[in-house]
Each structure stands twice: as C-alpha cells, then as structure tokens.
Amino acid sequence: MKLSRTPVNYFTITDALTSGFIPDVLKPCRTFSTSTTTFHLAIKPSLHMSIDAASDLFRLPDLHPTISEFLQCIKNHMNHPISGVTSQDLHVHFP
C-alpha cells in the first residue's frame, strides 16, 4: 500500500494569517513568509535541544544574537526583518 501526502502550501496559510482571514490567531504567528521563502515553526517540536546544542549541531554561530534580536523586536512590537543579517553582536545566554 502506497501512502501519499499532499504538500502544504504555507504561502496560502501566511496570506490567510496576515489578511485576518483566520480570526483570533495566536500571535506572534508561527507561519510567516518573505516573497520567496515560507517558515513554519512547530509549537510542539519533536526534537528537543538547547540553543547551544542547536548552534553547534547546525553550525549557526550567530544563533544567540539572532534569537535575542528577534525577541527584542517582539517585546517592542516591531517587525523583525528576515534578512540573515543581525544588527546586534550579543553574547546572550538562554536557559
């Protein structure tokens, strides 16, 4: 028996979330996109690891400052630019 899956169009989901088509959506949205890329973050991830371990495993040396900058934007009710460039050089420790 061959099972098939239908691909999820996260661009359509992002459009619905940002247009207000889905009322009472949890903020900040965990599905968002740029003109070329869509991101969907799991609420209950199956892989549990520390930020330090993820930084090492996936070779992301700027993971800490990037997360810190994102959290500051959320705290200040600002949009976070998805650009791959962080403006802060912070060495923040997260639990």
PDB file of N, CA and C in Angstrom:
ATOM      1  N   MET A   1       0.846  -1.177   0.000  1.00  0.00           N
ATOM      2  CA  MET A   1       0.000   0.000   0.000  1.00  0.00           C
ATOM      3  C   MET A   1       0.888   1.235   0.000  1.00  0.00           C
ATOM      4  N   LYS A   2       0.713   2.088  -0.966  1.00  0.00           N
ATOM      5  CA  LYS A   2       1.492   3.317  -1.084  1.00  0.00           C
ATOM      6  C   LYS A   2       0.691   4.485  -0.538  1.00  0.00           C
ATOM      7  N   LEU A   3       1.264   5.148   0.451  1.00  0.00           N
ATOM      8  CA  LEU A   3       0.622   6.326   1.022  1.00  0.00           C
ATOM      9  C   LEU A   3       1.189   7.568   0.361  1.00  0.00           C
ATOM     10  N   SER A   4       0.353   8.517   0.110  1.00  0.00           N
ATOM     11  CA  SER A   4       0.839   9.769  -0.457  1.00  0.00           C
ATOM     12  C   SER A   4       0.373  10.924   0.418  1.00  0.00           C
ATOM     13  N   ARG A   5       1.150  11.957   0.420  1.00  0.00           N
ATOM     14  CA  ARG A   5       0.825  13.153   1.187  1.00  0.00           C
ATOM     15  C   ARG A   5       0.660  14.329   0.240  1.00  0.00           C
ATOM     16  N   THR A   6      -0.263  15.176   0.566  1.00  0.00           N
ATOM     17  CA  THR A   6      -0.455  16.394  -0.199  1.00  0.00           C
ATOM     18  C   THR A   6       0.431  17.475   0.403  1.00  0.00           C
ATOM     19  N   PRO A   7       1.255  18.132  -0.396  1.00  0.00           N
ATOM     20  CA  PRO A   7       2.100  19.193   0.154  1.00  0.00           C
ATOM     21  C   PRO A   7       1.259  20.342   0.703  1.00  0.00           C
ATOM     22  N   VAL A   8       1.739  20.924   1.783  1.00  0.00           N
ATOM     23  CA  VAL A   8       1.052  22.055   2.402  1.00  0.00           C
ATOM     24  C   VAL A   8       1.574  23.341   1.768  1.00  0.00           C
ATOM     25  N   ASN A   9       0.667  24.201   1.348  1.00  0.00           N
ATOM     26  CA  ASN A   9       1.054  25.478   0.764  1.00  0.00           C
ATOM     27  C   ASN A   9       1.090  26.528   1.885  1.00  0.00           C
ATOM     28  N   TYR A  10       2.269  26.718   2.468  1.00  0.00           N
ATOM     29  CA  TYR A  10       2.406  27.656   3.576  1.00  0.00           C
ATOM     30  C   TYR A  10       2.297  29.111   3.116  1.00  0.00           C
ATOM     31  N   PHE A  11       2.514  29.392   1.855  1.00  0.00           N
ATOM     32  CA  PHE A  11       2.306  30.748   1.346  1.00  0.00           C
ATOM     33  C   PHE A  11       0.826  31.132   1.468  1.00  0.00           C
ATOM     34  N   THR A  12      -0.068  30.200   1.136  1.00  0.00           N
ATOM     35  CA  THR A  12      -1.503  30.444   1.262  1.00  0.00           C
ATOM     36  C   THR A  12      -1.890  30.633   2.719  1.00  0.00           C
ATOM     37  N   ILE A  13      -1.331  29.824   3.594  1.00  0.00           N
ATOM     38  CA  ILE A  13      -1.610  29.945   5.026  1.00  0.00           C
ATOM     39  C   ILE A  13      -1.135  31.297   5.543  1.00  0.00           C
ATOM     40  N   THR A  14       0.069  31.706   5.137  1.00  0.00           N
ATOM     41  CA  THR A  14       0.593  33.000   5.567  1.00  0.00           C
ATOM     42  C   THR A  14      -0.304  34.134   5.097  1.00  0.00           C
ATOM     43  N   ASP A  15      -0.760  34.072   3.851  1.00  0.00           N
ATOM     44  CA  ASP A  15      -1.667  35.102   3.334  1.00  0.00           C
ATOM     45  C   ASP A  15      -2.946  35.179   4.180  1.00  0.00           C
ATOM     46  N   ALA A  16      -3.500  34.029   4.539  1.00  0.00           N
ATOM     47  CA  ALA A  16      -4.719  34.000   5.346  1.00  0.00           C
ATOM     48  C   ALA A  16      -4.473  34.579   6.736  1.00  0.00           C
ATOM     49  N   LEU A  17      -3.306  34.273   7.315  1.00  0.00           N
ATOM     50  CA  LEU A  17      -2.984  34.783   8.650  1.00  0.00           C
ATOM     51  C   LEU A  17      -2.793  36.299   8.646  1.00  0.00           C
ATOM     52  N   THR A  18      -2.062  36.806   7.662  1.00  0.00           N
ATOM     53  CA  THR A  18      -1.767  38.240   7.635  1.00  0.00           C
ATOM     54  C   THR A  18      -2.951  39.083   7.183  1.00  0.00           C
ATOM     55  N   SER A  19      -3.860  38.491   6.423  1.00  0.00           N
ATOM     56  CA  SER A  19      -5.022  39.255   5.952  1.00  0.00           C
ATOM     57  C   SER A  19      -6.137  39.296   6.986  1.00  0.00           C
ATOM     58  N   GLY A  20      -6.007  38.529   8.059  1.00  0.00           N
ATOM     59  CA  GLY A  20      -7.049  38.496   9.072  1.00  0.00           C
ATOM     60  C   GLY A  20      -8.171  37.534   8.745  1.00  0.00           C
ATOM     61  N   PHE A  21      -7.978  36.697   7.714  1.00  0.00           N
ATOM     62  CA  PHE A  21      -8.997  35.729   7.319  1.00  0.00           C
ATOM     63  C   PHE A  21      -9.236  34.705   8.423  1.00  0.00           C
ATOM     64  N   ILE A  22      -8.196  34.427   9.211  1.00  0.00           N
ATOM     65  CA  ILE A  22      -8.315  33.497  10.334  1.00  0.00           C
ATOM     66  C   ILE A  22      -8.405  34.337  11.607  1.00  0.00           C
ATOM     67  N   PRO A  23      -9.594  34.471  12.200  1.00  0.00           N
ATOM     68  CA  PRO A  23      -9.736  35.322  13.386  1.00  0.00           C
ATOM     69  C   PRO A  23      -9.131  34.671  14.625  1.00  0.00           C
ATOM     70  N   ASP A  24      -8.776  35.496  15.577  1.00  0.00           N
ATOM     71  CA  ASP A  24      -8.265  35.048  16.879  1.00  0.00           C
ATOM     72  C   ASP A  24      -7.035  34.153  16.765  1.00  0.00           C
ATOM     73  N   VAL A  25      -6.173  34.463  15.817  1.00  0.00           N
ATOM     74  CA  VAL A  25      -4.956  33.672  15.636  1.00  0.00           C
ATOM     75  C   VAL A  25      -3.958  34.010  16.748  1.00  0.00           C
ATOM     76  N   LEU A  26      -3.238  33.019  17.208  1.00  0.00           N
ATOM     77  CA  LEU A  26      -2.235  33.204  18.250  1.00  0.00           C
ATOM     78  C   LEU A  26      -1.082  34.042  17.703  1.00  0.00           C
ATOM     79  N   LYS A  27      -0.714  35.091  18.415  1.00  0.00           N
ATOM     80  CA  LYS A  27       0.379  35.987  18.000  1.00  0.00           C
ATOM     81  C   LYS A  27       1.582  35.775  18.890  1.00  0.00           C
ATOM     82  N   PRO A  28       2.785  35.882  18.410  1.00  0.00           N
ATOM     83  CA  PRO A  28       3.131  36.090  17.011  1.00  0.00           C
ATOM     84  C   PRO A  28       2.872  34.817  16.200  1.00  0.00           C
ATOM     85  N   CYS A  29       2.593  35.021  14.930  1.00  0.00           N
ATOM     86  CA  CYS A  29       2.315  33.886  14.049  1.00  0.00           C
ATOM     87  C   CYS A  29       3.558  33.012  13.924  1.00  0.00           C
ATOM     88  N   ARG A  30       3.331  31.723  13.880  1.00  0.00           N
ATOM     89  CA  ARG A  30       4.435  30.783  13.738  1.00  0.00           C
ATOM     90  C   ARG A  30       4.594  30.324  12.293  1.00  0.00           C
ATOM     91  N   THR A  31       3.791  30.892  11.417  1.00  0.00           N
ATOM     92  CA  THR A  31       3.925  30.673   9.987  1.00  0.00           C
ATOM     93  C   THR A  31       4.003  32.050   9.343  1.00  0.00           C
ATOM     94  N   PHE A  32       5.105  32.311   8.665  1.00  0.00           N
ATOM     95  CA  PHE A  32       5.299  33.624   8.055  1.00  0.00           C
ATOM     96  C   PHE A  32       6.179  33.447   6.834  1.00  0.00           C
ATOM     97  N   SER A  33       6.231  34.480   5.987  1.00  0.00           N
ATOM     98  CA  SER A  33       6.987  34.323   4.752  1.00  0.00           C
ATOM     99  C   SER A  33       7.541  35.641   4.258  1.00  0.00           C
ATOM    100  N   THR A  34       8.539  35.502   3.394  1.00  0.00           N
ATOM    101  CA  THR A  34       9.043  36.609   2.591  1.00  0.00           C
ATOM    102  C   THR A  34       8.486  36.371   1.186  1.00  0.00           C
ATOM    103  N   SER A  35       8.954  37.097   0.207  1.00  0.00           N
ATOM    104  CA  SER A  35       8.442  36.891  -1.150  1.00  0.00           C
ATOM    105  C   SER A  35       8.888  35.553  -1.736  1.00  0.00           C
ATOM    106  N   THR A  36       9.953  34.961  -1.197  1.00  0.00           N
ATOM    107  CA  THR A  36      10.478  33.725  -1.780  1.00  0.00           C
ATOM    108  C   THR A  36      10.537  32.543  -0.828  1.00  0.00           C
ATOM    109  N   THR A  37      10.343  32.779   0.465  1.00  0.00           N
ATOM    110  CA  THR A  37      10.542  31.720   1.457  1.00  0.00           C
ATOM    111  C   THR A  37       9.435  31.751   2.498  1.00  0.00           C
ATOM    112  N   THR A  38       8.985  30.575   2.904  1.00  0.00           N
ATOM    113  CA  THR A  38       7.986  30.460   3.956  1.00  0.00           C
ATOM    114  C   THR A  38       8.594  29.703   5.129  1.00  0.00           C
ATOM    115  N   PHE A  39       8.234  30.125   6.329  1.00  0.00           N
ATOM    116  CA  PHE A  39       8.701  29.484   7.558  1.00  0.00           C
ATOM    117  C   PHE A  39       7.490  28.998   8.338  1.00  0.00           C
ATOM    118  N   HIS A  40       7.570  27.793   8.843  1.00  0.00           N
ATOM    119  CA  HIS A  40       6.521  27.244   9.695  1.00  0.00           C
ATOM    120  C   HIS A  40       7.212  26.641  10.911  1.00  0.00           C
ATOM    121  N   LEU A  41       7.010  27.254  12.055  1.00  0.00           N
ATOM    122  CA  LEU A  41       7.653  26.812  13.279  1.00  0.00           C
ATOM    123  C   LEU A  41       6.699  25.932  14.069  1.00  0.00           C
ATOM    124  N   ALA A  42       7.191  24.809  14.537  1.00  0.00           N
ATOM    125  CA  ALA A  42       6.361  23.875  15.292  1.00  0.00           C
ATOM    126  C   ALA A  42       6.099  24.403  16.696  1.00  0.00           C
ATOM    127  N   ILE A  43       4.881  24.215  17.155  1.00  0.00           N
ATOM    128  CA  ILE A  43       4.535  24.604  18.519  1.00  0.00           C
ATOM    129  C   ILE A  43       5.043  23.544  19.487  1.00  0.00           C
ATOM    130  N   LYS A  44       4.958  22.294  19.098  1.00  0.00           N
ATOM    131  CA  LYS A  44       5.438  21.189  19.923  1.00  0.00           C
ATOM    132  C   LYS A  44       6.497  20.426  19.114  1.00  0.00           C
ATOM    133  N   PRO A  45       7.715  20.940  19.100  1.00  0.00           N
ATOM    134  CA  PRO A  45       8.741  20.281  18.287  1.00  0.00           C
ATOM    135  C   PRO A  45       9.053  18.873  18.790  1.00  0.00           C
ATOM    136  N   SER A  46       9.409  18.000  17.870  1.00  0.00           N
ATOM    137  CA  SER A  46       9.740  16.626  18.242  1.00  0.00           C
ATOM    138  C   SER A  46      11.201  16.495  18.656  1.00  0.00           C
ATOM    139  N   LEU A  47      12.015  17.455  18.301  1.00  0.00           N
ATOM    140  CA  LEU A  47      13.433  17.421  18.648  1.00  0.00           C
ATOM    141  C   LEU A  47      13.688  18.467  19.723  1.00  0.00           C
ATOM    142  N   HIS A  48      14.143  18.030  20.886  1.00  0.00           N
ATOM    143  CA  HIS A  48      14.403  18.938  21.993  1.00  0.00           C
ATOM    144  C   HIS A  48      15.903  19.065  22.190  1.00  0.00           C
ATOM    145  N   MET A  49      16.406  20.281  22.161  1.00  0.00           N
ATOM    146  CA  MET A  49      17.817  20.525  22.428  1.00  0.00           C
ATOM    147  C   MET A  49      17.991  21.976  22.842  1.00  0.00           C
ATOM    148  N   SER A  50      19.103  22.247  23.477  1.00  0.00           N
ATOM    149  CA  SER A  50      19.383  23.618  23.901  1.00  0.00           C
ATOM    150  C   SER A  50      19.788  24.456  22.691  1.00  0.00           C
ATOM    151  N   ILE A  51      19.740  25.762  22.879  1.00  0.00           N
ATOM    152  CA  ILE A  51      20.160  26.671  21.810  1.00  0.00           C
ATOM    153  C   ILE A  51      21.647  26.472  21.533  1.00  0.00           C
ATOM    154  N   ASP A  52      22.439  26.247  22.588  1.00  0.00           N
ATOM    155  CA  ASP A  52      23.872  25.981  22.399  1.00  0.00           C
ATOM    156  C   ASP A  52      24.091  24.743  21.536  1.00  0.00           C
ATOM    157  N   ALA A  53      23.345  23.666  21.842  1.00  0.00           N
ATOM    158  CA  ALA A  53      23.496  22.422  21.070  1.00  0.00           C
ATOM    159  C   ALA A  53      23.066  22.624  19.619  1.00  0.00           C
ATOM    160  N   ALA A  54      21.960  23.343  19.406  1.00  0.00           N
ATOM    161  CA  ALA A  54      21.487  23.598  18.041  1.00  0.00           C
ATOM    162  C   ALA A  54      22.495  24.455  17.283  1.00  0.00           C
ATOM    163  N   SER A  55      23.052  25.459  17.952  1.00  0.00           N
ATOM    164  CA  SER A  55      24.053  26.322  17.335  1.00  0.00           C
ATOM    165  C   SER A  55      25.252  25.508  16.862  1.00  0.00           C
ATOM    166  N   ASP A  56      25.695  24.579  17.705  1.00  0.00           N
ATOM    167  CA  ASP A  56      26.830  23.722  17.350  1.00  0.00           C
ATOM    168  C   ASP A  56      26.453  22.711  16.267  1.00  0.00           C
ATOM    169  N   LEU A  57      25.334  22.017  16.462  1.00  0.00           N
ATOM    170  CA  LEU A  57      24.934  20.958  15.534  1.00  0.00           C
ATOM    171  C   LEU A  57      24.703  21.475  14.120  1.00  0.00           C
ATOM    172  N   PHE A  58      24.013  22.621  14.008  1.00  0.00           N
ATOM    173  CA  PHE A  58      23.663  23.151  12.695  1.00  0.00           C
ATOM    174  C   PHE A  58      24.624  24.230  12.209  1.00  0.00           C
ATOM    175  N   ARG A  59      25.726  24.415  12.943  1.00  0.00           N
ATOM    176  CA  ARG A  59      26.773  25.383  12.583  1.00  0.00           C
ATOM    177  C   ARG A  59      26.188  26.785  12.368  1.00  0.00           C
ATOM    178  N   LEU A  60      25.507  27.268  13.405  1.00  0.00           N
ATOM    179  CA  LEU A  60      24.889  28.596  13.377  1.00  0.00           C
ATOM    180  C   LEU A  60      25.505  29.450  14.484  1.00  0.00           C
ATOM    181  N   PRO A  61      26.700  29.977  14.256  1.00  0.00           N
ATOM    182  CA  PRO A  61      27.381  30.708  15.324  1.00  0.00           C
ATOM    183  C   PRO A  61      26.665  31.979  15.766  1.00  0.00           C
ATOM    184  N   ASP A  62      25.787  32.533  14.930  1.00  0.00           N
ATOM    185  CA  ASP A  62      25.074  33.758  15.297  1.00  0.00           C
ATOM    186  C   ASP A  62      23.648  33.487  15.772  1.00  0.00           C
ATOM    187  N   LEU A  63      23.369  32.252  16.183  1.00  0.00           N
ATOM    188  CA  LEU A  63      22.019  31.904  16.622  1.00  0.00           C
ATOM    189  C   LEU A  63      21.589  32.699  17.852  1.00  0.00           C
ATOM    190  N   HIS A  64      22.455  32.828  18.837  1.00  0.00           N
ATOM    191  CA  HIS A  64      22.106  33.573  20.059  1.00  0.00           C
ATOM    192  C   HIS A  64      21.754  35.033  19.768  1.00  0.00           C
ATOM    193  N   PRO A  65      22.627  35.792  19.077  1.00  0.00           N
ATOM    194  CA  PRO A  65      22.251  37.186  18.820  1.00  0.00           C
ATOM    195  C   PRO A  65      21.013  37.318  17.929  1.00  0.00           C
ATOM    196  N   THR A  66      20.812  36.372  17.026  1.00  0.00           N
ATOM    197  CA  THR A  66      19.642  36.426  16.154  1.00  0.00           C
ATOM    198  C   THR A  66      18.358  36.224  16.953  1.00  0.00           C
ATOM    199  N   ILE A  67      18.362  35.233  17.847  1.00  0.00           N
ATOM    200  CA  ILE A  67      17.190  34.998  18.690  1.00  0.00           C
ATOM    201  C   ILE A  67      16.966  36.185  19.624  1.00  0.00           C
ATOM    202  N   SER A  68      18.038  36.719  20.181  1.00  0.00           N
ATOM    203  CA  SER A  68      17.929  37.871  21.072  1.00  0.00           C
ATOM    204  C   SER A  68      17.317  39.065  20.344  1.00  0.00           C
ATOM    205  N   GLU A  69      17.772  39.317  19.127  1.00  0.00           N
ATOM    206  CA  GLU A  69      17.235  40.432  18.338  1.00  0.00           C
ATOM    207  C   GLU A  69      15.760  40.210  18.017  1.00  0.00           C
ATOM    208  N   PHE A  70      15.403  38.975  17.659  1.00  0.00           N
ATOM    209  CA  PHE A  70      14.008  38.650  17.367  1.00  0.00           C
ATOM    210  C   PHE A  70      13.131  38.909  18.595  1.00  0.00           C
ATOM    211  N   LEU A  71      13.586  38.445  19.768  1.00  0.00           N
ATOM    212  CA  LEU A  71      12.806  38.636  20.994  1.00  0.00           C
ATOM    213  C   LEU A  71      12.673  40.113  21.354  1.00  0.00           C
ATOM    214  N   GLN A  72      13.714  40.903  21.105  1.00  0.00           N
ATOM    215  CA  GLN A  72      13.635  42.339  21.351  1.00  0.00           C
ATOM    216  C   GLN A  72      12.607  42.994  20.433  1.00  0.00           C
ATOM    217  N   CYS A  73      12.565  42.570  19.182  1.00  0.00           N
ATOM    218  CA  CYS A  73      11.574  43.109  18.246  1.00  0.00           C
ATOM    219  C   CYS A  73      10.158  42.768  18.706  1.00  0.00           C
ATOM    220  N   ILE A  74       9.948  41.526  19.141  1.00  0.00           N
ATOM    221  CA  ILE A  74       8.633  41.117  19.633  1.00  0.00           C
ATOM    222  C   ILE A  74       8.262  41.938  20.866  1.00  0.00           C
ATOM    223  N   LYS A  75       9.216  42.099  21.784  1.00  0.00           N
ATOM    224  CA  LYS A  75       8.969  42.856  23.013  1.00  0.00           C
ATOM    225  C   LYS A  75       8.584  44.302  22.696  1.00  0.00           C
ATOM    226  N   ASN A  76       9.215  44.889  21.682  1.00  0.00           N
ATOM    227  CA  ASN A  76       8.966  46.282  21.315  1.00  0.00           C
ATOM    228  C   ASN A  76       7.890  46.443  20.246  1.00  0.00           C
ATOM    229  N   HIS A  77       7.154  45.347  19.961  1.00  0.00           N
ATOM    230  CA  HIS A  77       6.065  45.355  18.976  1.00  0.00           C
ATOM    231  C   HIS A  77       6.547  45.835  17.606  1.00  0.00           C
ATOM    232  N   MET A  78       7.706  45.361  17.199  1.00  0.00           N
ATOM    233  CA  MET A  78       8.280  45.714  15.898  1.00  0.00           C
ATOM    234  C   MET A  78       8.326  44.471  15.017  1.00  0.00           C
ATOM    235  N   ASN A  79       8.314  44.672  13.716  1.00  0.00           N
ATOM    236  CA  ASN A  79       8.514  43.564  12.789  1.00  0.00           C
ATOM    237  C   ASN A  79       9.990  43.234  12.735  1.00  0.00           C
ATOM    238  N   HIS A  80      10.286  41.953  12.668  1.00  0.00           N
ATOM    239  CA  HIS A  80      11.675  41.523  12.569  1.00  0.00           C
ATOM    240  C   HIS A  80      11.995  41.249  11.106  1.00  0.00           C
ATOM    241  N   PRO A  81      12.997  41.939  10.567  1.00  0.00           N
ATOM    242  CA  PRO A  81      13.341  41.680   9.163  1.00  0.00           C
ATOM    243  C   PRO A  81      13.986  40.310   9.007  1.00  0.00           C
ATOM    244  N   ILE A  82      13.488  39.512   8.106  1.00  0.00           N
ATOM    245  CA  ILE A  82      14.071  38.202   7.826  1.00  0.00           C
ATOM    246  C   ILE A  82      15.123  38.437   6.750  1.00  0.00           C
ATOM    247  N   SER A  83      16.353  38.707   7.175  1.00  0.00           N
ATOM    248  CA  SER A  83      17.363  39.084   6.198  1.00  0.00           C
ATOM    249  C   SER A  83      18.626  38.247   6.277  1.00  0.00           C
ATOM    250  N   GLY A  84      18.814  37.522   7.372  1.00  0.00           N
ATOM    251  CA  GLY A  84      20.048  36.767   7.536  1.00  0.00           C
ATOM    252  C   GLY A  84      21.152  37.597   8.151  1.00  0.00           C
ATOM    253  N   VAL A  85      20.876  38.865   8.425  1.00  0.00           N
ATOM    254  CA  VAL A  85      21.875  39.759   8.999  1.00  0.00           C
ATOM    255  C   VAL A  85      21.361  40.255  10.340  1.00  0.00           C
ATOM    256  N   THR A  86      22.174  40.108  11.390  1.00  0.00           N
ATOM    257  CA  THR A  86      21.780  40.645  12.688  1.00  0.00           C
ATOM    258  C   THR A  86      22.485  41.970  12.913  1.00  0.00           C
ATOM    259  N   SER A  87      21.795  42.882  13.553  1.00  0.00           N
ATOM    260  CA  SER A  87      22.383  44.185  13.811  1.00  0.00           C
ATOM    261  C   SER A  87      23.081  44.245  15.155  1.00  0.00           C
ATOM    262  N   GLN A  88      22.872  43.224  15.980  1.00  0.00           N
ATOM    263  CA  GLN A  88      23.477  43.188  17.311  1.00  0.00           C
ATOM    264  C   GLN A  88      24.550  42.116  17.364  1.00  0.00           C
ATOM    265  N   ASP A  89      25.562  42.374  18.157  1.00  0.00           N
ATOM    266  CA  ASP A  89      26.599  41.381  18.396  1.00  0.00           C
ATOM    267  C   ASP A  89      26.541  41.029  19.879  1.00  0.00           C
ATOM    268  N   LEU A  90      25.478  40.307  20.255  1.00  0.00           N
ATOM    269  CA  LEU A  90      25.254  39.981  21.643  1.00  0.00           C
ATOM    270  C   LEU A  90      25.681  38.550  21.935  1.00  0.00           C
ATOM    271  N   HIS A  91      26.205  38.351  23.101  1.00  0.00           N
ATOM    272  CA  HIS A  91      26.526  37.011  23.570  1.00  0.00           C
ATOM    273  C   HIS A  91      25.576  36.751  24.738  1.00  0.00           C
ATOM    274  N   VAL A  92      24.387  36.337  24.412  1.00  0.00           N
ATOM    275  CA  VAL A  92      23.324  36.149  25.387  1.00  0.00           C
ATOM    276  C   VAL A  92      23.237  34.677  25.748  1.00  0.00           C
ATOM    277  N   HIS A  93      23.039  34.410  27.022  1.00  0.00           N
ATOM    278  CA  HIS A  93      22.840  33.019  27.445  1.00  0.00           C
ATOM    279  C   HIS A  93      21.354  32.784  27.660  1.00  0.00           C
ATOM    280  N   PHE A  94      20.816  31.761  27.031  1.00  0.00           N
ATOM    281  CA  PHE A  94      19.436  31.386  27.203  1.00  0.00           C
ATOM    282  C   PHE A  94      19.370  30.102  28.007  1.00  0.00           C
ATOM    283  N   PRO A  95      18.353  29.968  28.848  1.00  0.00           N
ATOM    284  CA  PRO A  95      18.226  28.713  29.625  1.00  0.00           C
ATOM    285  C   PRO A  95      17.897  27.540  28.724  1.00  0.00           C
TER     286      PRO A  95
END
